[in-house]
C-alpha cells in the first residue's frame, strides 16, 4: 500500500539546509521514494494552518518509508536538517 511522507519545513539557515537538501534528494530515490512536491506554492483553503515549505514524498509502503527514515545513512544528514530547520513530519498510508 503506498505511503506518503508529509513534511512542513521552516528553514532557519538557508545555507545549511541547502547542504541537507542536496544529499536528501538522491538518498530518497535510492531508498525508493519519489518526490511529489518539494516546496511549491501553497494555498490554504480552510482552517488556521499556515504551512511553510511543504514536502510530499511517495513510498511503495510504510516499511519502505521507515527503512529510509531509520537508516544510518539518513540519520547522518537528519541532524543537519534539525539544526537548520524546524520540521514537522508525518507518514500516512494511501489507498
PDB file of N, CA and C in Angstrom:
ATOM      1  N   UNK A   1       0.844  -1.165   0.000  1.00  0.00           N
ATOM      2  CA  UNK A   1       0.000   0.000   0.000  1.00  0.00           C
ATOM      3  C   UNK A   1       0.897   1.238   0.000  1.00  0.00           C
ATOM      4  N   UNK A   2       0.654   2.196  -0.881  1.00  0.00           N
ATOM      5  CA  UNK A   2       1.514   3.380  -0.912  1.00  0.00           C
ATOM      6  C   UNK A   2       1.431   4.145   0.402  1.00  0.00           C
ATOM      7  N   UNK A   3       2.513   4.797   0.732  1.00  0.00           N
ATOM      8  CA  UNK A   3       2.605   5.612   1.942  1.00  0.00           C
ATOM      9  C   UNK A   3       3.220   6.943   1.558  1.00  0.00           C
ATOM     10  N   UNK A   4       2.769   7.986   2.220  1.00  0.00           N
ATOM     11  CA  UNK A   4       3.232   9.332   1.910  1.00  0.00           C
ATOM     12  C   UNK A   4       3.841   9.981   3.144  1.00  0.00           C
ATOM     13  N   UNK A   5       4.998  10.586   2.950  1.00  0.00           N
ATOM     14  CA  UNK A   5       5.607  11.407   3.980  1.00  0.00           C
ATOM     15  C   UNK A   5       5.198  12.838   3.672  1.00  0.00           C
ATOM     16  N   UNK A   6       4.632  13.496   4.666  1.00  0.00           N
ATOM     17  CA  UNK A   6       4.265  14.903   4.537  1.00  0.00           C
ATOM     18  C   UNK A   6       5.106  15.671   5.533  1.00  0.00           C
ATOM     19  N   UNK A   7       5.815  16.658   5.043  1.00  0.00           N
ATOM     20  CA  UNK A   7       6.660  17.462   5.909  1.00  0.00           C
ATOM     21  C   UNK A   7       6.352  18.933   5.768  1.00  0.00           C
ATOM     22  N   UNK A   8       6.316  19.626   6.878  1.00  0.00           N
ATOM     23  CA  UNK A   8       6.186  21.081   6.899  1.00  0.00           C
ATOM     24  C   UNK A   8       7.504  21.614   7.453  1.00  0.00           C
ATOM     25  N   UNK A   9       8.208  22.376   6.654  1.00  0.00           N
ATOM     26  CA  UNK A   9       9.571  22.790   6.982  1.00  0.00           C
ATOM     27  C   UNK A   9       9.658  24.310   7.077  1.00  0.00           C
ATOM     28  N   UNK A  10      10.233  24.783   8.169  1.00  0.00           N
ATOM     29  CA  UNK A  10      10.537  26.203   8.321  1.00  0.00           C
ATOM     30  C   UNK A  10      12.057  26.329   8.343  1.00  0.00           C
ATOM     31  N   UNK A  11      12.615  26.765   7.244  1.00  0.00           N
ATOM     32  CA  UNK A  11      14.069  26.868   7.113  1.00  0.00           C
ATOM     33  C   UNK A  11      14.566  28.063   7.917  1.00  0.00           C
ATOM     34  N   UNK A  12      15.545  27.810   8.785  1.00  0.00           N
ATOM     35  CA  UNK A  12      16.125  28.852   9.626  1.00  0.00           C
ATOM     36  C   UNK A  12      17.557  29.199   9.220  1.00  0.00           C
ATOM     37  N   UNK A  13      18.207  28.297   8.496  1.00  0.00           N
ATOM     38  CA  UNK A  13      19.566  28.502   7.994  1.00  0.00           C
ATOM     39  C   UNK A  13      19.581  27.988   6.560  1.00  0.00           C
ATOM     40  N   UNK A  14      19.381  28.895   5.602  1.00  0.00           N
ATOM     41  CA  UNK A  14      19.230  28.501   4.200  1.00  0.00           C
ATOM     42  C   UNK A  14      20.468  27.796   3.650  1.00  0.00           C
ATOM     43  N   UNK A  15      21.630  28.267   4.000  1.00  0.00           N
ATOM     44  CA  UNK A  15      22.868  27.661   3.502  1.00  0.00           C
ATOM     45  C   UNK A  15      23.026  26.231   4.025  1.00  0.00           C
ATOM     46  N   UNK A  16      22.814  26.053   5.302  1.00  0.00           N
ATOM     47  CA  UNK A  16      22.904  24.716   5.886  1.00  0.00           C
ATOM     48  C   UNK A  16      21.835  23.785   5.347  1.00  0.00           C
ATOM     49  N   UNK A  17      20.617  24.321   5.156  1.00  0.00           N
ATOM     50  CA  UNK A  17      19.538  23.488   4.644  1.00  0.00           C
ATOM     51  C   UNK A  17      19.802  23.070   3.204  1.00  0.00           C
ATOM     52  N   UNK A  18      20.436  23.913   2.428  1.00  0.00           N
ATOM     53  CA  UNK A  18      20.793  23.555   1.050  1.00  0.00           C
ATOM     54  C   UNK A  18      21.726  22.348   1.040  1.00  0.00           C
ATOM     55  N   UNK A  19      22.624  22.277   2.013  1.00  0.00           N
ATOM     56  CA  UNK A  19      23.521  21.120   2.149  1.00  0.00           C
ATOM     57  C   UNK A  19      22.709  19.849   2.401  1.00  0.00           C
ATOM     58  N   UNK A  20      21.729  19.948   3.302  1.00  0.00           N
ATOM     59  CA  UNK A  20      20.848  18.805   3.586  1.00  0.00           C
ATOM     60  C   UNK A  20      20.075  18.389   2.336  1.00  0.00           C
ATOM     61  N   UNK A  21      19.438  19.351   1.680  1.00  0.00           N
ATOM     62  CA  UNK A  21      18.587  19.060   0.519  1.00  0.00           C
ATOM     63  C   UNK A  21      19.374  18.396  -0.607  1.00  0.00           C
ATOM     64  N   UNK A  22      20.606  18.831  -0.822  1.00  0.00           N
ATOM     65  CA  UNK A  22      21.435  18.255  -1.883  1.00  0.00           C
ATOM     66  C   UNK A  22      21.720  16.775  -1.620  1.00  0.00           C
ATOM     67  N   UNK A  23      21.832  16.397  -0.365  1.00  0.00           N
ATOM     68  CA  UNK A  23      22.093  14.996  -0.024  1.00  0.00           C
ATOM     69  C   UNK A  23      20.807  14.182   0.098  1.00  0.00           C
ATOM     70  N   UNK A  24      19.736  14.822   0.550  1.00  0.00           N
ATOM     71  CA  UNK A  24      18.481  14.101   0.796  1.00  0.00           C
ATOM     72  C   UNK A  24      17.826  13.610  -0.485  1.00  0.00           C
ATOM     73  N   UNK A  25      17.795  14.426  -1.518  1.00  0.00           N
ATOM     74  CA  UNK A  25      17.078  14.055  -2.744  1.00  0.00           C
ATOM     75  C   UNK A  25      17.585  12.751  -3.356  1.00  0.00           C
ATOM     76  N   UNK A  26      18.872  12.603  -3.604  1.00  0.00           N
ATOM     77  CA  UNK A  26      19.322  11.330  -4.176  1.00  0.00           C
ATOM     78  C   UNK A  26      19.159  10.159  -3.201  1.00  0.00           C
ATOM     79  N   UNK A  27      19.233  10.431  -1.899  1.00  0.00           N
ATOM     80  CA  UNK A  27      19.054   9.371  -0.915  1.00  0.00           C
ATOM     81  C   UNK A  27      17.611   8.870  -0.916  1.00  0.00           C
ATOM     82  N   UNK A  28      16.665   9.775  -0.993  1.00  0.00           N
ATOM     83  CA  UNK A  28      15.252   9.385  -1.077  1.00  0.00           C
ATOM     84  C   UNK A  28      15.054   8.456  -2.266  1.00  0.00           C
ATOM     85  N   UNK A  29      15.609   8.815  -3.402  1.00  0.00           N
ATOM     86  CA  UNK A  29      15.477   7.984  -4.608  1.00  0.00           C
ATOM     87  C   UNK A  29      16.128   6.617  -4.425  1.00  0.00           C
ATOM     88  N   UNK A  30      17.310   6.569  -3.793  1.00  0.00           N
ATOM     89  CA  UNK A  30      17.986   5.287  -3.562  1.00  0.00           C
ATOM     90  C   UNK A  30      17.148   4.354  -2.696  1.00  0.00           C
ATOM     91  N   UNK A  31      16.375   4.930  -1.807  1.00  0.00           N
ATOM     92  CA  UNK A  31      15.532   4.127  -0.923  1.00  0.00           C
ATOM     93  C   UNK A  31      14.134   3.901  -1.499  1.00  0.00           C
ATOM     94  N   UNK A  32      13.921   4.291  -2.747  1.00  0.00           N
ATOM     95  CA  UNK A  32      12.655   4.002  -3.420  1.00  0.00           C
ATOM     96  C   UNK A  32      11.586   5.063  -3.281  1.00  0.00           C
ATOM     97  N   UNK A  33      11.920   6.214  -2.738  1.00  0.00           N
ATOM     98  CA  UNK A  33      10.946   7.292  -2.610  1.00  0.00           C
ATOM     99  C   UNK A  33      10.883   8.148  -3.858  1.00  0.00           C
ATOM    100  N   UNK A  34       9.783   8.889  -3.978  1.00  0.00           N
ATOM    101  CA  UNK A  34       9.596   9.768  -5.139  1.00  0.00           C
ATOM    102  C   UNK A  34       8.961  11.065  -4.652  1.00  0.00           C
ATOM    103  N   UNK A  35       9.668  12.179  -4.878  1.00  0.00           N
ATOM    104  CA  UNK A  35       9.121  13.482  -4.503  1.00  0.00           C
ATOM    105  C   UNK A  35       7.919  13.804  -5.387  1.00  0.00           C
ATOM    106  N   UNK A  36       6.810  14.179  -4.748  1.00  0.00           N
ATOM    107  CA  UNK A  36       5.630  14.644  -5.473  1.00  0.00           C
ATOM    108  C   UNK A  36       5.498  16.154  -5.361  1.00  0.00           C
ATOM    109  N   UNK A  37       6.024  16.706  -4.278  1.00  0.00           N
ATOM    110  CA  UNK A  37       6.043  18.145  -4.070  1.00  0.00           C
ATOM    111  C   UNK A  37       7.240  18.457  -3.185  1.00  0.00           C
ATOM    112  N   UNK A  38       7.888  19.562  -3.494  1.00  0.00           N
ATOM    113  CA  UNK A  38       9.082  19.918  -2.725  1.00  0.00           C
ATOM    114  C   UNK A  38       9.192  21.435  -2.635  1.00  0.00           C
ATOM    115  N   UNK A  39       8.308  22.017  -1.819  1.00  0.00           N
ATOM    116  CA  UNK A  39       8.409  23.446  -1.558  1.00  0.00           C
ATOM    117  C   UNK A  39       7.709  24.348  -2.546  1.00  0.00           C
ATOM    118  N   UNK A  40       6.731  23.839  -3.269  1.00  0.00           N
ATOM    119  CA  UNK A  40       5.994  24.677  -4.218  1.00  0.00           C
ATOM    120  C   UNK A  40       5.004  25.594  -3.512  1.00  0.00           C
ATOM    121  N   UNK A  41       4.261  26.337  -4.311  1.00  0.00           N
ATOM    122  CA  UNK A  41       3.261  27.267  -3.779  1.00  0.00           C
ATOM    123  C   UNK A  41       2.195  26.503  -2.993  1.00  0.00           C
ATOM    124  N   UNK A  42       1.741  27.116  -1.902  1.00  0.00           N
ATOM    125  CA  UNK A  42       0.707  26.537  -1.038  1.00  0.00           C
ATOM    126  C   UNK A  42      -0.413  27.558  -0.902  1.00  0.00           C
ATOM    127  N   UNK A  43      -1.649  27.090  -1.031  1.00  0.00           N
ATOM    128  CA  UNK A  43      -2.814  27.955  -0.830  1.00  0.00           C
ATOM    129  C   UNK A  43      -3.712  27.307   0.218  1.00  0.00           C
ATOM    130  N   UNK A  44      -3.914  27.979   1.337  1.00  0.00           N
ATOM    131  CA  UNK A  44      -4.773  27.473   2.400  1.00  0.00           C
ATOM    132  C   UNK A  44      -6.220  27.743   2.003  1.00  0.00           C
ATOM    133  N   UNK A  45      -7.036  26.695   1.997  1.00  0.00           N
ATOM    134  CA  UNK A  45      -8.439  26.835   1.624  1.00  0.00           C
ATOM    135  C   UNK A  45      -9.352  26.959   2.841  1.00  0.00           C
ATOM    136  N   UNK A  46      -9.002  26.270   3.925  1.00  0.00           N
ATOM    137  CA  UNK A  46      -9.795  26.335   5.148  1.00  0.00           C
ATOM    138  C   UNK A  46      -8.881  26.154   6.348  1.00  0.00           C
ATOM    139  N   UNK A  47      -9.298  26.664   7.482  1.00  0.00           N
ATOM    140  CA  UNK A  47      -8.568  26.447   8.716  1.00  0.00           C
ATOM    141  C   UNK A  47      -7.489  27.472   8.976  1.00  0.00           C
ATOM    142  N   UNK A  48      -6.804  27.250  10.097  1.00  0.00           N
ATOM    143  CA  UNK A  48      -5.798  28.192  10.587  1.00  0.00           C
ATOM    144  C   UNK A  48      -4.364  27.808  10.232  1.00  0.00           C
ATOM    145  N   UNK A  49      -4.169  26.600   9.699  1.00  0.00           N
ATOM    146  CA  UNK A  49      -2.821  26.117   9.413  1.00  0.00           C
ATOM    147  C   UNK A  49      -2.163  26.977   8.342  1.00  0.00           C
ATOM    148  N   UNK A  50      -0.981  27.455   8.610  1.00  0.00           N
ATOM    149  CA  UNK A  50      -0.208  28.249   7.654  1.00  0.00           C
ATOM    150  C   UNK A  50       1.117  27.539   7.388  1.00  0.00           C
ATOM    151  N   UNK A  51       1.094  26.501   6.563  1.00  0.00           N
ATOM    152  CA  UNK A  51       2.334  25.757   6.310  1.00  0.00           C
ATOM    153  C   UNK A  51       3.371  26.630   5.618  1.00  0.00           C
ATOM    154  N   UNK A  52       4.605  26.232   5.789  1.00  0.00           N
ATOM    155  CA  UNK A  52       5.715  26.969   5.194  1.00  0.00           C
ATOM    156  C   UNK A  52       6.155  26.299   3.895  1.00  0.00           C
ATOM    157  N   UNK A  53       7.128  25.451   3.991  1.00  0.00           N
ATOM    158  CA  UNK A  53       7.670  24.723   2.833  1.00  0.00           C
ATOM    159  C   UNK A  53       7.190  23.280   2.960  1.00  0.00           C
ATOM    160  N   UNK A  54       6.190  22.893   2.161  1.00  0.00           N
ATOM    161  CA  UNK A  54       5.647  21.543   2.244  1.00  0.00           C
ATOM    162  C   UNK A  54       6.402  20.592   1.331  1.00  0.00           C
ATOM    163  N   UNK A  55       6.618  19.398   1.849  1.00  0.00           N
ATOM    164  CA  UNK A  55       7.281  18.332   1.092  1.00  0.00           C
ATOM    165  C   UNK A  55       6.355  17.121   1.122  1.00  0.00           C
ATOM    166  N   UNK A  56       6.192  16.483  -0.025  1.00  0.00           N
ATOM    167  CA  UNK A  56       5.376  15.279  -0.135  1.00  0.00           C
ATOM    168  C   UNK A  56       6.188  14.235  -0.887  1.00  0.00           C
ATOM    169  N   UNK A  57       6.437  13.091  -0.217  1.00  0.00           N
ATOM    170  CA  UNK A  57       7.218  12.012  -0.815  1.00  0.00           C
ATOM    171  C   UNK A  57       6.371  10.747  -0.806  1.00  0.00           C
ATOM    172  N   UNK A  58       6.323  10.066  -1.939  1.00  0.00           N
ATOM    173  CA  UNK A  58       5.581   8.811  -2.054  1.00  0.00           C
ATOM    174  C   UNK A  58       6.535   7.634  -1.917  1.00  0.00           C
ATOM    175  N   UNK A  59       6.105   6.625  -1.155  1.00  0.00           N
ATOM    176  CA  UNK A  59       6.848   5.383  -0.963  1.00  0.00           C
ATOM    177  C   UNK A  59       5.943   4.225  -1.328  1.00  0.00           C
ATOM    178  N   UNK A  60       6.500   3.089  -1.677  1.00  0.00           N
ATOM    179  CA  UNK A  60       5.697   1.906  -2.007  1.00  0.00           C
ATOM    180  C   UNK A  60       4.959   1.351  -0.801  1.00  0.00           C
ATOM    181  N   UNK A  61       5.502   1.578   0.399  1.00  0.00           N
ATOM    182  CA  UNK A  61       4.902   1.014   1.611  1.00  0.00           C
ATOM    183  C   UNK A  61       5.385   1.793   2.828  1.00  0.00           C
ATOM    184  N   UNK A  62       4.698   1.580   3.932  1.00  0.00           N
ATOM    185  CA  UNK A  62       5.109   2.164   5.198  1.00  0.00           C
ATOM    186  C   UNK A  62       6.492   1.651   5.578  1.00  0.00           C
ATOM    187  N   UNK A  63       6.715   0.376   5.343  1.00  0.00           N
ATOM    188  CA  UNK A  63       8.014  -0.227   5.671  1.00  0.00           C
ATOM    189  C   UNK A  63       9.153   0.419   4.884  1.00  0.00           C
ATOM    190  N   UNK A  64       8.912   0.707   3.609  1.00  0.00           N
ATOM    191  CA  UNK A  64       9.955   1.343   2.782  1.00  0.00           C
ATOM    192  C   UNK A  64      10.281   2.738   3.302  1.00  0.00           C
ATOM    193  N   UNK A  65       9.262   3.496   3.670  1.00  0.00           N
ATOM    194  CA  UNK A  65       9.473   4.846   4.199  1.00  0.00           C
ATOM    195  C   UNK A  65      10.263   4.796   5.500  1.00  0.00           C
ATOM    196  N   UNK A  66       9.899   3.868   6.374  1.00  0.00           N
ATOM    197  CA  UNK A  66      10.587   3.761   7.647  1.00  0.00           C
ATOM    198  C   UNK A  66      12.011   3.234   7.484  1.00  0.00           C
ATOM    199  N   UNK A  67      12.239   2.390   6.482  1.00  0.00           N
ATOM    200  CA  UNK A  67      13.597   1.899   6.204  1.00  0.00           C
ATOM    201  C   UNK A  67      14.509   3.081   5.879  1.00  0.00           C
ATOM    202  N   UNK A  68      14.010   4.026   5.085  1.00  0.00           N
ATOM    203  CA  UNK A  68      14.778   5.233   4.761  1.00  0.00           C
ATOM    204  C   UNK A  68      14.965   6.098   6.003  1.00  0.00           C
ATOM    205  N   UNK A  69      13.863   6.411   6.693  1.00  0.00           N
ATOM    206  CA  UNK A  69      13.913   7.335   7.820  1.00  0.00           C
ATOM    207  C   UNK A  69      14.779   6.805   8.961  1.00  0.00           C
ATOM    208  N   UNK A  70      14.761   5.513   9.191  1.00  0.00           N
ATOM    209  CA  UNK A  70      15.510   4.909  10.289  1.00  0.00           C
ATOM    210  C   UNK A  70      16.908   4.441   9.897  1.00  0.00           C
ATOM    211  N   UNK A  71      17.305   4.681   8.654  1.00  0.00           N
ATOM    212  CA  UNK A  71      18.619   4.223   8.200  1.00  0.00           C
ATOM    213  C   UNK A  71      19.741   5.054   8.822  1.00  0.00           C
ATOM    214  N   UNK A  72      20.899   4.439   8.975  1.00  0.00           N
ATOM    215  CA  UNK A  72      22.082   5.158   9.454  1.00  0.00           C
ATOM    216  C   UNK A  72      22.474   6.254   8.473  1.00  0.00           C
ATOM    217  N   UNK A  73      22.274   5.970   7.189  1.00  0.00           N
ATOM    218  CA  UNK A  73      22.628   6.946   6.151  1.00  0.00           C
ATOM    219  C   UNK A  73      21.800   8.224   6.318  1.00  0.00           C
ATOM    220  N   UNK A  74      20.498   8.073   6.543  1.00  0.00           N
ATOM    221  CA  UNK A  74      19.654   9.265   6.719  1.00  0.00           C
ATOM    222  C   UNK A  74      19.928   9.946   8.055  1.00  0.00           C
ATOM    223  N   UNK A  75      20.172   9.163   9.091  1.00  0.00           N
ATOM    224  CA  UNK A  75      20.451   9.750  10.412  1.00  0.00           C
ATOM    225  C   UNK A  75      21.608  10.735  10.337  1.00  0.00           C
ATOM    226  N   UNK A  76      22.581  10.442   9.493  1.00  0.00           N
ATOM    227  CA  UNK A  76      23.751  11.312   9.366  1.00  0.00           C
ATOM    228  C   UNK A  76      23.387  12.694   8.837  1.00  0.00           C
ATOM    229  N   UNK A  77      22.406  12.784   7.956  1.00  0.00           N
ATOM    230  CA  UNK A  77      22.041  14.112   7.433  1.00  0.00           C
ATOM    231  C   UNK A  77      20.815  14.695   8.142  1.00  0.00           C
ATOM    232  N   UNK A  78      20.041  13.875   8.826  1.00  0.00           N
ATOM    233  CA  UNK A  78      18.875  14.382   9.555  1.00  0.00           C
ATOM    234  C   UNK A  78      19.298  15.386  10.616  1.00  0.00           C
ATOM    235  N   UNK A  79      20.462  15.180  11.202  1.00  0.00           N
ATOM    236  CA  UNK A  79      20.961  16.130  12.191  1.00  0.00           C
ATOM    237  C   UNK A  79      21.202  17.504  11.562  1.00  0.00           C
ATOM    238  N   UNK A  80      21.641  17.525  10.309  1.00  0.00           N
ATOM    239  CA  UNK A  80      21.824  18.794   9.594  1.00  0.00           C
ATOM    240  C   UNK A  80      20.471  19.481   9.437  1.00  0.00           C
ATOM    241  N   UNK A  81      19.451  18.714   9.024  1.00  0.00           N
ATOM    242  CA  UNK A  81      18.101  19.280   8.866  1.00  0.00           C
ATOM    243  C   UNK A  81      17.592  19.842  10.186  1.00  0.00           C
ATOM    244  N   UNK A  82      17.746  19.098  11.243  1.00  0.00           N
ATOM    245  CA  UNK A  82      17.249  19.542  12.551  1.00  0.00           C
ATOM    246  C   UNK A  82      17.951  20.812  13.030  1.00  0.00           C
ATOM    247  N   UNK A  83      19.201  20.953  12.671  1.00  0.00           N
ATOM    248  CA  UNK A  83      19.970  22.131  13.054  1.00  0.00           C
ATOM    249  C   UNK A  83      19.563  23.362  12.242  1.00  0.00           C
ATOM    250  N   UNK A  84      19.112  23.146  11.014  1.00  0.00           N
ATOM    251  CA  UNK A  84      18.872  24.246  10.084  1.00  0.00           C
ATOM    252  C   UNK A  84      17.403  24.575   9.854  1.00  0.00           C
ATOM    253  N   UNK A  85      16.501  23.742  10.368  1.00  0.00           N
ATOM    254  CA  UNK A  85      15.080  23.962  10.101  1.00  0.00           C
ATOM    255  C   UNK A  85      14.223  23.353  11.200  1.00  0.00           C
ATOM    256  N   UNK A  86      13.094  23.972  11.443  1.00  0.00           N
ATOM    257  CA  UNK A  86      12.066  23.375  12.296  1.00  0.00           C
ATOM    258  C   UNK A  86      11.178  22.560  11.374  1.00  0.00           C
ATOM    259  N   UNK A  87      10.960  21.299  11.723  1.00  0.00           N
ATOM    260  CA  UNK A  87      10.276  20.391  10.799  1.00  0.00           C
ATOM    261  C   UNK A  87       9.220  19.577  11.520  1.00  0.00           C
ATOM    262  N   UNK A  88       8.078  19.426  10.862  1.00  0.00           N
ATOM    263  CA  UNK A  88       7.025  18.505  11.298  1.00  0.00           C
ATOM    264  C   UNK A  88       6.900  17.456  10.215  1.00  0.00           C
ATOM    265  N   UNK A  89       6.960  16.173  10.577  1.00  0.00           N
ATOM    266  CA  UNK A  89       6.892  15.082   9.603  1.00  0.00           C
ATOM    267  C   UNK A  89       5.827  14.078  10.036  1.00  0.00           C
ATOM    268  N   UNK A  90       5.064  13.596   9.079  1.00  0.00           N
ATOM    269  CA  UNK A  90       4.116  12.505   9.341  1.00  0.00           C
ATOM    270  C   UNK A  90       4.167  11.530   8.171  1.00  0.00           C
ATOM    271  N   UNK A  91       3.837  10.280   8.474  1.00  0.00           N
ATOM    272  CA  UNK A  91       3.633   9.251   7.446  1.00  0.00           C
ATOM    273  C   UNK A  91       2.153   8.924   7.435  1.00  0.00           C
ATOM    274  N   UNK A  92       1.583   8.785   6.246  1.00  0.00           N
ATOM    275  CA  UNK A  92       0.184   8.413   6.120  1.00  0.00           C
ATOM    276  C   UNK A  92       0.057   7.373   5.014  1.00  0.00           C
ATOM    277  N   UNK A  93      -0.685   6.300   5.315  1.00  0.00           N
ATOM    278  CA  UNK A  93      -0.908   5.265   4.297  1.00  0.00           C
ATOM    279  C   UNK A  93      -1.939   5.746   3.294  1.00  0.00           C
ATOM    280  N   UNK A  94      -1.683   5.414   2.036  1.00  0.00           N
ATOM    281  CA  UNK A  94      -2.618   5.774   0.972  1.00  0.00           C
ATOM    282  C   UNK A  94      -3.638   4.669   0.749  1.00  0.00           C
ATOM    283  N   UNK A  95      -4.375   4.795  -0.321  1.00  0.00           N
ATOM    284  CA  UNK A  95      -5.425   3.825  -0.651  1.00  0.00           C
ATOM    285  C   UNK A  95      -4.922   2.801  -1.634  1.00  0.00           C
TER     286      UNK A  95
END
